[in-house]
Each structure stands twice: as C-alpha cells, then as structure tokens.
Amino acid sequence: MAFNPATSLRNFIKNSPWVFMAIAVHVIALSVLAIWQFAKQAPKVEETPTTVTLSKPKDPTPEEIALPPEVLDRKSIPKNEEAEIVTFEEDVFMPTEPTEDLHLDRGDPESVDNLTAGQPGGTAIGVGTTGHHGLRPGFAGRKLGGGKTGRGGGATQGTEKAVLEGLRWLVRHQRPDGSWSIVSLKSICDPDKPCYDPKETYTDHYDEGLTAMALLCFLGAGYSHESKQDIVDTARAKRYRIGEVVKNGLQWLKNRQNDQGYFSKDQAFMYNEALCALALTESYGLSQNRYWKEPAQKAINFLQRAQRPNPSGSGNWGWRYASRQSIEEKFPGGSIDEAGKKELFDSDVSVTGWVVMALKSAIISGLEVDKNSMDGGLAFTKWCTANDGLVGYNDPKNAGLTVQGRGDDKFDYHATSMSSLGICIRIFCEHDPNDAFFEPAAQRIIKDLPTVDKDRRKLDYYYWYYGSLALNQLDGPDSPRKSGKYWGPWNKAMVDAVVGLQDTQERSCNRGGWIQPDRWAYAGGPIYSTAINVLTLEVYYRYENAFGGGKRN
C-alpha cells in the first residue's frame, strides 16, 4: 500500500495522544513566560524615571599645614623592602578588615601591638638618638623591663598597656576643634556615667594648658603631627589617625597664640603658657618641621620676658602665676612702691619647674634661649632650698609647710613635692650628679612613696609625676649613678598606685582614664589627671638622662 503522509500523521496522533499533549503544554508555557518577561523589562514610557544632575557647590578647601619639601626624606625608605609612600595631605584610611570588631584588641589581648610604633627618637630633653620608639614591646631592640632595679627599672607591658588606654581616653575626649576642655565633657561623656563630677564647677580658663598636657602624652610616646599610625578606641569602636589628633591639637594652640606669644584668652596665666610652650617646642624638636618653629620660639621668648627680676637688682629670678609685664603695667612710669616690688619679685618653684622644662626642651630642639633665664630659675630654686632636703614653695622659710589649696579638707599635702621639683630643676640646669642636695632630698622622697590609702587622702598625681621624673633621672637605669637605691622602691610603688587607679570598665567612656581625683584635679578634672598619669608612665623613655648616663638595654 502506498505511503500517505497525512494518514500516517493522523494515525500517530490518534495512537500517541500523550506525546501531542505534552508538546502543546510546553509550547503554551514558554509563550506565556516570554510575554511576562518582555512586559517586566520594558516599562511604560511614562514610568521611566528622569534623572536631573545638579552641580554640587564647592566646599571651601580646609586650611592645610604647609610643609617645607625637605621634611619628606625619601632616602629613609629602606631598599628591597615593602614601603608605602604617603603624603601629609593623605586623609583616607581603608581598613584591611572592613568587618572587624573595633571593640576588640587585635591579636593577643594582653599585647598593645595594635598601636604601631611611632617615630624613632625621644622628645623634649629626650630629642635625639634615644628615647621612646613607639608603643610596641621590644620595638627597635628596646627590651621592656630593662635595668637592674625594682621591676627592671623600665617600662613593662603593664605600663605600656596603661599608656595605650590613656591615649585612647584622651582621643575619645578630644573636641572637634582639636582642643581638650573640661567644660566640654558634658557633651562628650556617657550621660549615665560621665567622667567628670557633675557637682563640680569647672571653667575654661585652663583649656590651653590641658590641651598642651594631652598633646605631650602623644609626643612623649614618639608621635608627631606626621605620624601615619592609627589608634583604635575599643570602647567606642572607632579608629583615629594619630597624626591628625596631634596636628589638630597643635593647630588649635597655634591659633590661640597672640602677638605677644602667650596663649590664654585673657591675661597670661603662666601654667598655661609654660605647658603650651613645652608642647610646641617638643613638637618642633620631634619633627624638626619649620611650621612649629616660629610659634615655639615666640612662646619661649614670652616665657623669658615674663620672668621675674632678681631682688638683688642683678639678673633673673623665678616665675609666678602672672607675667612680669602684668605686674609692671600696674605701675606706669616705672615707679614701683615697696608693695609693688614684693609682688614683682614673687616667684614659686612649681611654675618655675614647668618653665625650666620648656626652656631646656627649647635648647635641645635648637631654639634660642638666653642662658641667663636658666641661671635665674636655678638661683631662685637654690634660694628656696633648706639644709635638710626640703624646698620652700616660694621662700626657704616655708620649706616643709603645706601649700594651701582647695583640696586641703580631702587630701594630705606632700611637702616632698617641692623637693622633687628642686631635684629636677638642678639636674636640668646644672647636670651635676654630685650635687650635695640630692641625697637628703631623695631620702625624704622615698619615705613618702606613692600610696593608695583607703580614704584616698594621699593621692597626689602631681607629686608622683615629679617624684618619678626626679628619681628616674637621679639613679634610674640610664643614670651614671645607676644604684636604683631610690628609683627602685619608688618605681614599684608608683606603678602599683598609678596603674591600679586607672579605670578598666568595658565599653565605657571612663575606660583608660584616671577618674579618681587627686589634690589638684579640681581645675582640670579627669583631663588633667589622665594626662599627668600618662606622662608619669612615660618617664622611662620620655627624657634622656641629663647626666649623659649609660646606654639603654
């Protein structure tokens, strides 16, 4: 029978209805899917969004610190090693771990390696070949706990961790304009548990000095406005560029300085002026950047003009709260009566100590300092010295007597504070390790070691700072004396007291600060107490030994 295609197809369909139905279903489904997809991808004309591009107004370019080209030393970049070339203007940080929890320290929780090393070299009197090399244990060959006395006589991982936490506290409480102010803590601190005392009345009169003290903590650790390292605030899970923290603070001070060279907003207050001069001088000494040289020199010049005259009629004397100029302005024409002369010659060892440190820093940093200024401060200090290792605050007759203050009802006074200042002034002015005053003074100091008593009456961070500086210089690991007879017991007691008082609350704005007030904290609150305790814990490396002692371990 002949083959008939139509008949064959009809028979196939009749005998295989399931095949035909399956093909039909698939064809229909694919057609519906194609129609739906086309409708989805082709929106109606009236629904297509219209984009209008507006020109963005240009923001005013922020003022940048102009750096001389020679500060970028390309020769210092090591060969055959990976090195990142960065510029001062670079301001963007791209985290390598964008999902990291900044509440946590990276690596070993007992280490401080997450804050990388600062620039080599110390600061102020420590400007030069030695000094701190940054907050990394063992960096550049420096061993923690070096020395032979006490707990090694040097920095430990515990003290370095405390310094790191203190720097974090300071960064956390810096104002946007770069300054630190006790009156601003109300808007910065956690409202439920602030760092400051809500019952205390504070003033902005000391903002300049507090800002300078905070900056000295970073400079003392070897960090300048040029530093590219980051510091992570684990309490607030926030990262900061250390160089920006320092630069903003220094720029704020520079902007505050007037034509005469001082910084206080009204009349010169010599504590503020000495501390600001010290901060700017250390910044210039650490970086040798000419941008800070002019304001540093101007500040030093003002300190020298503000120095009181020697009552003998020849030479210079010490310093007091007010400048010499402010006293002389009270007597037009130069005719000063007896009461005026008494006020003009009035000086005190405390202010004189801070000014002497600023002048010494200026000398080491290469700034101009009149030797007669240092000689005058030394002469005044020697005049105030008694024969038994005590020093009077402003007169030898009151050596050993209490210096009155607002904290008299809550805290004990330590007469050896003035002895500590006497040692420091003599060491940094004369560099004589055989000065007969040192032995009786040091013997008195170690009989009044740092102590945290039950009632907290013995707390005196100011005394602990100058006592640490004096004895570390006198017979610490870097001194040619190196006996550790005095530094050893003092260092152990100081570390126990200072580190033990630091706040350790997790994820609190208090963490890392010294919230417990001492005798003198009423003026600067926790900014003062945190800064001065950080400076105390940096005593191991902040200043080179003024006697030209032994090498560091």
Protein backbone atom coordinates (compact mmCIF):
# COMPACT_ATOMS: atom_id res chain seq x y z
CA MET A 1 0.00 0.00 0.00
CA ALA A 2 1.36 3.43 -0.89
CA PHE A 3 2.64 5.64 1.91
CA ASN A 4 0.31 8.53 2.73
CA PRO A 5 1.92 11.25 4.97
CA ALA A 6 -1.39 12.74 6.08
CA THR A 7 -2.76 9.35 7.00
CA SER A 8 0.45 8.47 8.91
CA LEU A 9 0.38 11.72 10.92
CA ARG A 10 -3.28 11.24 11.74
CA ASN A 11 -2.65 7.66 12.89
CA PHE A 12 0.40 8.86 15.02
CA ILE A 13 -1.67 11.48 16.76
CA LYS A 14 -4.51 9.03 17.30
CA ASN A 15 -2.22 6.36 18.70
CA SER A 16 0.04 8.76 20.80
CA PRO A 17 -2.19 11.43 22.39
CA TRP A 18 0.13 11.88 25.43
CA VAL A 19 3.07 12.99 23.27
CA PHE A 20 0.99 15.58 21.48
CA MET A 21 -0.46 16.92 24.68
CA ALA A 22 2.95 17.27 26.30
CA ILE A 23 4.33 19.22 23.37
CA ALA A 24 1.31 21.50 23.37
CA VAL A 25 1.58 22.24 27.09
CA HIS A 26 5.30 23.16 26.81
CA VAL A 27 4.68 25.45 23.86
CA ILE A 28 1.90 27.29 25.69
CA ALA A 29 4.01 27.64 28.90
CA LEU A 30 7.03 29.02 27.07
CA SER A 31 4.86 31.53 25.25
CA VAL A 32 3.35 32.84 28.49
CA LEU A 33 6.79 33.11 30.13
CA ALA A 34 8.19 35.06 27.16
CA ILE A 35 5.29 37.53 27.24
CA TRP A 36 5.73 38.08 31.04
CA GLN A 37 9.45 38.62 30.78
CA PHE A 38 9.09 41.16 27.98
CA ALA A 39 6.49 43.08 29.98
CA LYS A 40 8.81 43.19 33.01
CA GLN A 41 11.84 44.50 31.11
CA ALA A 42 10.05 47.12 29.06
CA PRO A 43 8.41 49.66 31.41
CA LYS A 44 5.93 52.10 30.03
CA VAL A 45 7.35 55.38 28.79
CA GLU A 46 5.55 57.44 31.37
CA GLU A 47 7.03 55.26 34.21
CA THR A 48 10.68 55.65 33.14
CA PRO A 49 12.46 57.81 35.80
CA THR A 50 14.09 61.08 34.74
CA THR A 51 17.45 61.99 36.29
CA VAL A 52 18.36 65.65 36.82
CA THR A 53 22.01 66.35 37.64
CA LEU A 54 22.71 69.43 39.72
CA SER A 55 26.20 70.91 40.11
CA LYS A 56 27.47 70.43 43.64
CA PRO A 57 28.63 73.63 45.34
CA LYS A 58 32.32 73.55 46.09
CA ASP A 59 33.23 73.28 49.77
CA PRO A 60 35.87 75.69 50.93
CA THR A 61 39.21 73.95 50.90
CA PRO A 62 40.30 73.31 54.50
CA GLU A 63 43.47 75.03 55.55
CA GLU A 64 46.37 72.63 55.42
CA ILE A 65 49.67 72.94 57.19
CA ALA A 66 52.24 73.89 54.59
CA LEU A 67 55.28 71.70 54.93
CA PRO A 68 58.70 72.51 53.53
CA PRO A 69 59.70 69.99 50.86
CA GLU A 70 62.77 68.84 52.77
CA VAL A 71 60.74 67.16 55.51
CA LEU A 72 59.98 64.24 53.19
CA ASP A 73 63.19 62.24 53.37
CA ARG A 74 62.83 59.66 50.61
CA LYS A 75 66.29 58.27 51.43
CA SER A 76 64.91 56.88 54.65
CA ILE A 77 62.73 54.39 52.75
CA PRO A 78 64.51 51.02 53.03
CA LYS A 79 65.63 49.28 49.86
CA ASN A 80 64.44 45.79 48.99
CA GLU A 81 61.63 46.10 51.48
CA GLU A 82 57.97 46.91 51.02
CA ALA A 83 57.33 50.55 51.90
CA GLU A 84 54.30 52.70 51.42
CA ILE A 85 54.94 56.29 50.35
CA VAL A 86 52.34 58.56 51.86
CA THR A 87 51.87 62.30 51.82
CA PHE A 88 50.96 64.62 54.66
CA GLU A 89 47.69 65.52 52.94
CA GLU A 90 46.54 61.91 52.77
CA ASP A 91 43.48 61.68 54.95
CA VAL A 92 41.69 58.48 53.92
CA PHE A 93 42.14 55.18 55.71
CA MET A 94 40.95 51.97 54.06
CA PRO A 95 40.73 49.24 56.69
CA THR A 96 42.15 45.90 55.62
CA GLU A 97 39.43 44.15 57.59
CA PRO A 98 36.21 46.12 56.98
CA THR A 99 34.16 43.71 59.06
CA GLU A 100 36.47 43.67 62.11
CA ASP A 101 35.00 44.39 65.52
CA LEU A 102 36.80 47.53 66.73
CA HIS A 103 35.64 46.84 70.25
CA LEU A 104 38.33 44.16 70.41
CA ASP A 105 42.08 44.43 70.51
CA ARG A 106 43.63 42.63 67.57
CA GLY A 107 45.85 39.67 68.30
CA ASP A 108 46.92 38.83 71.83
CA PRO A 109 44.52 40.59 74.24
CA GLU A 110 47.44 41.18 76.59
CA SER A 111 49.51 42.96 73.95
CA VAL A 112 49.48 46.54 72.69
CA ASP A 113 50.63 45.72 69.16
CA ASN A 114 47.51 47.16 67.63
CA LEU A 115 49.06 50.59 68.18
CA THR A 116 52.04 50.51 65.90
CA ALA A 117 55.34 52.12 66.59
CA GLY A 118 55.90 55.83 66.46
CA GLN A 119 58.86 57.67 65.08
CA PRO A 120 62.29 56.92 66.50
CA GLY A 121 63.70 59.36 68.97
CA GLY A 122 62.57 60.89 72.21
CA THR A 123 61.13 64.30 72.75
CA ALA A 124 61.99 67.49 74.59
CA ILE A 125 65.05 66.78 76.68
CA GLY A 126 64.97 63.37 75.04
CA VAL A 127 65.23 64.70 71.47
CA GLY A 128 67.99 62.78 69.83
CA THR A 129 69.25 59.26 69.40
CA THR A 130 67.46 57.50 72.25
CA GLY A 131 64.09 57.84 73.87
CA HIS A 132 60.87 56.04 73.08
CA HIS A 133 60.36 54.30 69.76
CA GLY A 134 56.63 53.81 69.95
CA LEU A 135 54.24 51.67 71.94
CA ARG A 136 55.38 48.24 70.81
CA PRO A 137 57.15 45.94 73.26
CA GLY A 138 60.64 45.22 72.05
CA PHE A 139 60.47 47.64 69.10
CA ALA A 140 63.84 48.68 67.72
CA GLY A 141 65.59 46.35 70.13
CA ARG A 142 64.35 48.11 73.26
CA LYS A 143 63.51 45.48 75.87
CA LEU A 144 60.69 46.15 78.27
CA GLY A 145 61.65 45.88 81.89
CA GLY A 146 65.29 46.69 81.19
CA GLY A 147 67.57 47.68 84.03
CA LYS A 148 68.62 46.01 87.24
CA THR A 149 66.42 47.51 89.93
CA GLY A 150 62.86 47.34 91.11
CA ARG A 151 60.75 45.68 88.42
CA GLY A 152 63.58 46.11 85.98
CA GLY A 153 63.54 49.86 86.37
CA GLY A 154 61.94 50.36 82.98
CA ALA A 155 58.64 50.17 81.15
CA THR A 156 56.72 46.91 81.27
CA GLN A 157 53.88 45.52 79.18
CA GLY A 158 51.59 46.58 82.02
CA THR A 159 52.74 50.20 81.98
CA GLU A 160 52.66 50.34 78.18
CA LYS A 161 49.14 48.94 78.12
CA ALA A 162 48.12 51.62 80.63
CA VAL A 163 49.69 54.31 78.42
CA LEU A 164 47.81 52.99 75.40
CA GLU A 165 44.49 53.01 77.28
CA GLY A 166 45.23 56.53 78.50
CA LEU A 167 45.86 57.73 74.95
CA ARG A 168 42.60 56.13 73.88
CA TRP A 169 40.78 58.02 76.63
CA LEU A 170 42.34 61.30 75.51
CA VAL A 171 41.45 60.69 71.85
CA ARG A 172 37.88 59.84 72.87
CA HIS A 173 37.51 63.14 74.73
CA GLN A 174 39.17 65.49 72.24
CA ARG A 175 36.89 68.20 70.89
CA PRO A 176 36.31 68.50 67.12
CA ASP A 177 38.39 71.69 67.04
CA GLY A 178 41.43 69.78 68.34
CA SER A 179 41.40 71.03 71.93
CA TRP A 180 40.62 69.41 75.27
CA SER A 181 38.29 71.21 77.68
CA ILE A 182 36.82 70.14 80.99
CA VAL A 183 33.66 72.14 80.30
CA SER A 184 33.04 70.16 77.09
CA LEU A 185 32.94 66.74 78.71
CA LYS A 186 29.23 67.15 79.34
CA SER A 187 28.59 66.79 75.61
CA ILE A 188 31.19 64.02 75.11
CA CYS A 189 30.86 61.65 78.08
CA ASP A 190 28.27 58.94 78.53
CA PRO A 191 25.31 60.73 80.20
CA ASP A 192 24.53 57.86 82.56
CA LYS A 193 28.07 57.71 83.97
CA PRO A 194 30.20 60.71 82.97
CA CYS A 195 33.93 61.00 83.61
CA TYR A 196 33.57 64.36 85.33
CA ASP A 197 31.97 65.25 88.66
CA PRO A 198 28.53 66.78 87.91
CA LYS A 199 28.64 68.58 91.26
CA GLU A 200 31.91 70.36 90.47
CA THR A 201 32.01 73.81 88.85
CA TYR A 202 34.55 73.93 86.04
CA THR A 203 35.94 76.76 83.93
CA ASP A 204 37.55 77.01 80.50
CA HIS A 205 40.38 79.10 81.97
CA TYR A 206 42.73 76.11 81.78
CA ASP A 207 41.84 74.81 78.29
CA GLU A 208 45.17 75.86 76.81
CA GLY A 209 47.18 74.08 79.50
CA LEU A 210 45.01 70.96 79.40
CA THR A 211 45.30 70.76 75.62
CA ALA A 212 49.07 71.06 75.89
CA MET A 213 49.25 68.33 78.56
CA ALA A 214 47.20 65.97 76.41
CA LEU A 215 49.45 66.62 73.41
CA LEU A 216 52.56 65.99 75.50
CA CYS A 217 51.28 62.46 76.12
CA PHE A 218 51.32 61.68 72.39
CA LEU A 219 54.59 63.49 71.79
CA GLY A 220 56.12 61.68 74.77
CA ALA A 221 55.22 58.36 73.15
CA GLY A 222 57.03 59.43 69.97
CA TYR A 223 54.05 60.50 67.85
CA SER A 224 54.03 63.78 65.94
CA HIS A 225 51.64 65.51 63.53
CA GLU A 226 53.30 63.49 60.77
CA SER A 227 52.54 60.07 62.26
CA LYS A 228 50.54 57.78 59.98
CA GLN A 229 49.64 55.18 62.58
CA ASP A 230 46.09 54.59 63.76
CA ILE A 231 44.78 54.21 67.28
CA VAL A 232 41.61 52.19 67.81
CA ASP A 233 39.28 53.26 70.59
CA THR A 234 37.90 49.89 71.62
CA ALA A 235 35.35 51.47 73.97
CA ARG A 236 33.62 53.30 71.12
CA ALA A 237 34.75 51.03 68.27
CA LYS A 238 36.27 53.95 66.40
CA ARG A 239 39.56 54.39 64.57
CA TYR A 240 41.65 57.58 64.63
CA ARG A 241 44.76 58.69 62.77
CA ILE A 242 47.26 59.70 65.48
CA GLY A 243 48.91 62.35 63.32
CA GLU A 244 45.55 64.07 62.85
CA VAL A 245 44.87 64.03 66.58
CA VAL A 246 48.22 65.71 67.26
CA LYS A 247 48.05 68.10 64.31
CA ASN A 248 44.59 69.35 65.22
CA GLY A 249 45.61 69.97 68.82
CA LEU A 250 48.79 71.79 67.88
CA GLN A 251 46.97 73.87 65.28
CA TRP A 252 44.43 74.89 67.92
CA LEU A 253 47.26 76.07 70.17
CA LYS A 254 48.94 77.92 67.32
CA ASN A 255 45.69 79.70 66.51
CA ARG A 256 45.32 80.72 70.17
CA GLN A 257 48.74 82.35 70.37
CA ASN A 258 48.64 86.14 70.25
CA ASP A 259 51.22 88.62 69.03
CA GLN A 260 52.94 88.75 72.41
CA GLY A 261 53.46 84.99 72.34
CA TYR A 262 51.12 83.74 75.05
CA PHE A 263 48.01 81.59 74.70
CA SER A 264 45.50 82.32 77.47
CA LYS A 265 42.45 84.11 76.12
CA ASP A 266 42.65 86.98 78.61
CA GLN A 267 45.62 87.71 80.82
CA ALA A 268 48.62 85.40 80.59
CA PHE A 269 48.45 82.52 83.08
CA MET A 270 51.94 81.10 83.39
CA TYR A 271 50.97 77.46 83.91
CA ASN A 272 49.13 77.61 80.57
CA GLU A 273 51.99 79.44 78.89
CA ALA A 274 54.70 77.06 80.11
CA LEU A 275 52.77 73.95 79.09
CA CYS A 276 51.87 75.34 75.65
CA ALA A 277 55.47 76.36 75.04
CA LEU A 278 56.59 72.88 76.07
CA ALA A 279 54.12 71.19 73.70
CA LEU A 280 55.07 73.31 70.69
CA THR A 281 58.77 73.01 71.47
CA GLU A 282 58.55 69.23 71.77
CA SER A 283 56.61 69.09 68.51
CA TYR A 284 59.31 71.06 66.74
CA GLY A 285 62.05 69.04 68.41
CA LEU A 286 60.45 65.73 67.43
CA SER A 287 59.63 66.59 63.82
CA GLN A 288 62.05 69.47 63.06
CA ASN A 289 59.19 70.85 60.99
CA ARG A 290 59.58 74.59 60.46
CA TYR A 291 55.82 75.13 60.70
CA TRP A 292 56.09 74.77 64.50
CA LYS A 293 59.40 76.59 64.89
CA GLU A 294 58.05 80.16 64.82
CA PRO A 295 55.23 79.67 67.37
CA ALA A 296 57.55 77.61 69.59
CA GLN A 297 60.24 80.31 69.55
CA LYS A 298 57.64 83.02 70.14
CA ALA A 299 56.32 81.12 73.16
CA ILE A 300 59.84 80.69 74.56
CA ASN A 301 60.56 84.38 74.06
CA PHE A 302 57.44 85.27 76.04
CA LEU A 303 58.44 82.97 78.92
CA GLN A 304 61.79 84.74 79.15
CA ARG A 305 60.21 88.19 79.11
CA ALA A 306 57.73 87.08 81.77
CA GLN A 307 60.49 86.02 84.17
CA ARG A 308 60.67 87.96 87.45
CA PRO A 309 63.78 90.05 88.20
CA ASN A 310 66.22 89.09 90.93
CA PRO A 311 65.59 91.09 94.14
CA SER A 312 69.32 91.79 94.32
CA GLY A 313 68.90 94.09 91.33
CA SER A 314 71.06 91.96 89.06
CA GLY A 315 69.97 89.00 86.96
CA ASN A 316 66.78 86.99 86.77
CA TRP A 317 64.65 85.08 89.26
CA GLY A 318 61.76 82.60 89.04
CA TRP A 319 58.24 82.67 87.61
CA ARG A 320 54.80 83.06 89.18
CA TYR A 321 51.17 82.80 88.01
CA ALA A 322 51.24 86.22 86.34
CA SER A 323 53.86 87.56 83.96
CA ARG A 324 56.35 90.28 84.82
CA GLN A 325 54.66 92.55 82.28
CA SER A 326 51.27 92.31 84.00
CA ILE A 327 52.84 93.45 87.28
CA GLU A 328 54.79 96.33 85.74
CA GLU A 329 51.68 97.57 83.95
CA LYS A 330 50.20 98.38 87.34
CA PHE A 331 52.92 100.99 87.87
CA PRO A 332 53.09 103.40 84.92
CA GLY A 333 56.37 105.24 84.61
CA GLY A 334 58.34 102.56 86.44
CA SER A 335 57.85 103.96 89.94
CA ILE A 336 57.14 100.81 91.99
CA ASP A 337 56.50 101.10 95.71
CA GLU A 338 57.56 98.52 98.28
CA ALA A 339 54.35 96.51 97.95
CA GLY A 340 54.80 96.51 94.18
CA LYS A 341 58.39 95.30 94.49
CA LYS A 342 57.29 92.44 96.71
CA GLU A 343 54.76 91.41 94.10
CA LEU A 344 57.26 91.85 91.28
CA PHE A 345 59.88 89.58 92.89
CA ASP A 346 57.35 86.94 93.96
CA SER A 347 58.02 83.56 92.35
CA ASP A 348 57.22 79.92 93.11
CA VAL A 349 59.07 76.66 92.50
CA SER A 350 56.11 74.93 90.83
CA VAL A 351 55.64 77.33 87.92
CA THR A 352 59.41 77.76 87.71
CA GLY A 353 59.79 73.99 87.26
CA TRP A 354 57.46 73.87 84.26
CA VAL A 355 59.15 76.86 82.63
CA VAL A 356 62.62 75.39 83.15
CA MET A 357 61.46 72.19 81.43
CA ALA A 358 60.18 74.22 78.47
CA LEU A 359 63.43 76.18 78.19
CA LYS A 360 65.50 73.01 78.36
CA SER A 361 63.36 71.46 75.66
CA ALA A 362 63.94 74.54 73.52
CA ILE A 363 67.70 74.30 73.96
CA ILE A 364 67.78 70.65 72.90
CA SER A 365 65.44 71.37 69.98
CA GLY A 366 67.74 74.04 68.58
CA LEU A 367 65.75 77.12 69.56
CA GLU A 368 67.26 80.29 71.00
CA VAL A 369 67.34 80.51 74.81
CA ASP A 370 69.13 83.10 76.92
CA LYS A 371 71.35 81.30 79.44
CA ASN A 372 70.50 83.98 82.00
CA SER A 373 66.92 82.68 82.11
CA MET A 374 68.02 79.19 83.14
CA ASP A 375 70.51 80.64 85.59
CA GLY A 376 67.80 82.79 87.15
CA GLY A 377 65.44 79.84 87.64
CA LEU A 378 68.25 77.85 89.24
CA ALA A 379 69.25 80.74 91.51
CA PHE A 380 65.68 81.14 92.75
CA THR A 381 65.33 77.40 93.40
CA LYS A 382 68.58 77.28 95.36
CA TRP A 383 67.47 80.27 97.41
CA CYS A 384 64.27 78.40 98.35
CA THR A 385 66.21 75.31 99.44
CA ALA A 386 66.64 74.41 103.11
CA ASN A 387 69.52 72.37 104.52
CA ASP A 388 67.58 69.17 105.13
CA GLY A 389 66.46 68.23 101.62
CA LEU A 390 63.31 70.34 101.70
CA VAL A 391 62.45 73.21 99.37
CA GLY A 392 60.11 76.09 100.10
CA TYR A 393 57.27 76.81 97.70
CA ASN A 394 58.21 80.49 97.34
CA ASP A 395 60.54 81.09 100.28
CA PRO A 396 63.02 78.96 102.28
CA LYS A 397 61.11 79.84 105.44
CA ASN A 398 58.09 77.78 104.34
CA ALA A 399 60.09 74.68 103.35
CA GLY A 400 58.11 71.69 104.59
CA LEU A 401 54.95 73.69 105.20
CA THR A 402 51.63 72.98 103.48
CA VAL A 403 50.88 74.76 100.23
CA GLN A 404 47.25 75.72 100.69
CA GLY A 405 44.66 74.69 98.14
CA ARG A 406 41.05 73.73 97.62
CA GLY A 407 41.78 70.11 98.45
CA ASP A 408 43.04 70.67 101.97
CA ASP A 409 39.95 69.13 103.55
CA LYS A 410 40.07 65.99 101.39
CA PHE A 411 43.74 65.33 100.71
CA ASP A 412 47.05 65.34 102.54
CA TYR A 413 49.85 67.61 101.34
CA HIS A 414 53.22 66.11 100.37
CA ALA A 415 56.00 68.54 101.24
CA THR A 416 58.43 66.44 99.19
CA SER A 417 56.69 67.66 96.03
CA MET A 418 58.92 70.73 96.23
CA SER A 419 61.97 68.53 96.89
CA SER A 420 61.21 66.62 93.68
CA LEU A 421 60.95 69.86 91.74
CA GLY A 422 64.20 71.02 93.31
CA ILE A 423 65.99 67.90 92.05
CA CYS A 424 64.57 68.28 88.53
CA ILE A 425 65.46 71.95 88.21
CA ARG A 426 69.01 71.37 89.44
CA ILE A 427 69.54 68.34 87.19
CA PHE A 428 68.32 70.02 84.02
CA CYS A 429 70.11 73.29 84.71
CA GLU A 430 73.46 72.07 86.03
CA HIS A 431 73.80 68.34 85.16
CA ASP A 432 75.88 67.74 88.30
CA PRO A 433 75.36 64.18 89.64
CA ASN A 434 77.34 65.05 92.77
CA ASP A 435 75.10 67.91 93.93
CA ALA A 436 75.01 67.65 97.74
CA PHE A 437 71.27 68.43 97.78
CA PHE A 438 70.30 65.19 96.03
CA GLU A 439 70.95 62.71 98.84
CA PRO A 440 68.92 64.31 101.63
CA ALA A 441 66.15 65.21 99.20
CA ALA A 442 65.94 61.68 97.74
CA GLN A 443 65.96 60.15 101.22
CA ARG A 444 62.93 62.26 102.13
CA ILE A 445 61.11 61.38 98.91
CA ILE A 446 61.31 57.59 99.32
CA LYS A 447 59.91 57.93 102.83
CA ASP A 448 56.74 59.24 101.18
CA LEU A 449 56.12 56.69 98.41
CA PRO A 450 53.00 56.73 96.20
CA THR A 451 50.21 55.10 98.17
CA VAL A 452 46.53 54.43 97.57
CA ASP A 453 45.08 54.52 101.05
CA LYS A 454 41.53 53.57 101.99
CA ASP A 455 40.30 57.17 102.20
CA ARG A 456 42.31 58.25 99.11
CA ARG A 457 43.71 61.19 101.07
CA LYS A 458 47.29 60.54 99.95
CA LEU A 459 46.59 60.79 96.22
CA ASP A 460 48.75 63.44 94.57
CA TYR A 461 49.38 62.82 90.88
CA TYR A 462 51.41 66.00 90.58
CA TYR A 463 53.82 64.79 93.26
CA TRP A 464 54.00 61.34 91.71
CA TYR A 465 54.90 62.83 88.32
CA TYR A 466 57.75 65.00 89.56
CA GLY A 467 58.93 62.38 92.05
CA SER A 468 59.16 59.84 89.22
CA LEU A 469 61.00 62.23 86.92
CA ALA A 470 63.44 63.28 89.66
CA LEU A 471 64.39 59.79 90.88
CA ASN A 472 64.48 58.24 87.42
CA GLN A 473 66.98 60.89 86.42
CA LEU A 474 68.89 60.63 89.68
CA ASP A 475 69.67 56.90 89.86
CA GLY A 476 67.47 55.13 87.33
CA PRO A 477 68.78 52.64 84.74
CA ASP A 478 70.15 55.39 82.46
CA SER A 479 71.84 57.45 85.17
CA PRO A 480 75.60 57.18 85.72
CA ARG A 481 74.73 56.60 89.40
CA LYS A 482 72.59 53.54 88.49
CA SER A 483 72.25 52.43 92.11
CA GLY A 484 68.49 52.10 92.00
CA LYS A 485 68.58 52.85 95.69
CA TYR A 486 65.86 55.44 95.29
CA TRP A 487 64.36 54.71 91.90
CA GLY A 488 63.83 51.01 92.64
CA PRO A 489 61.37 51.30 95.55
CA TRP A 490 59.75 54.42 94.11
CA ASN A 491 59.16 52.82 90.72
CA LYS A 492 57.49 49.74 92.21
CA ALA A 493 55.19 51.83 94.42
CA MET A 494 54.42 54.27 91.61
CA VAL A 495 53.43 51.57 89.12
CA ASP A 496 51.21 49.82 91.66
CA ALA A 497 49.45 53.07 92.55
CA VAL A 498 49.10 54.67 89.12
CA VAL A 499 48.14 51.59 87.10
CA GLY A 500 45.84 50.41 89.88
CA LEU A 501 43.82 53.63 89.76
CA GLN A 502 43.17 53.55 86.01
CA ASP A 503 39.56 52.85 85.02
CA THR A 504 39.04 49.49 83.29
CA GLN A 505 35.29 49.43 82.60
CA GLU A 506 34.48 47.77 79.29
CA ARG A 507 32.85 49.91 76.58
CA SER A 508 32.64 52.94 78.83
CA CYS A 509 33.89 56.45 78.12
CA ASN A 510 35.64 56.19 81.51
CA ARG A 511 37.86 53.34 80.31
CA GLY A 512 41.54 54.20 80.28
CA GLY A 513 41.12 57.44 82.20
CA TRP A 514 42.01 58.36 85.74
CA ILE A 515 38.60 59.38 87.02
CA GLN A 516 39.54 59.36 90.70
CA PRO A 517 40.52 62.98 91.54
CA ASP A 518 43.61 63.92 93.49
CA ARG A 519 44.51 67.03 95.46
CA TRP A 520 44.91 69.24 92.37
CA ALA A 521 42.32 67.84 89.95
CA TYR A 522 39.63 70.40 90.76
CA ALA A 523 40.85 72.65 87.93
CA GLY A 524 41.26 70.15 85.10
CA GLY A 525 39.28 67.14 86.26
CA PRO A 526 39.95 63.83 84.50
CA ILE A 527 41.74 65.51 81.58
CA TYR A 528 44.43 66.73 83.96
CA SER A 529 44.59 63.50 85.98
CA THR A 530 44.68 61.26 82.90
CA ALA A 531 47.30 63.32 81.11
CA ILE A 532 49.67 63.67 84.05
CA ASN A 533 49.46 59.96 84.88
CA VAL A 534 50.21 59.02 81.27
CA LEU A 535 53.23 61.35 81.42
CA THR A 536 54.31 59.64 84.64
CA LEU A 537 54.18 56.21 82.96
CA GLU A 538 56.22 57.58 80.04
CA VAL A 539 59.03 58.60 82.39
CA TYR A 540 61.10 55.59 81.29
CA TYR A 541 61.68 56.93 77.80
CA ARG A 542 60.35 60.46 77.52
CA TYR A 543 63.56 62.19 78.60
CA GLU A 544 67.15 61.20 78.06
CA ASN A 545 69.22 61.18 81.19
CA ALA A 546 70.51 64.70 81.73
CA PHE A 547 73.75 63.39 83.24
CA GLY A 548 74.60 61.58 79.99
CA GLY A 549 74.16 58.16 81.57
CA GLY A 550 74.51 54.65 80.31
CA LYS A 551 73.00 53.08 77.23
CA ARG A 552 69.53 51.65 77.26
CA ASN A 553 69.02 47.92 77.41
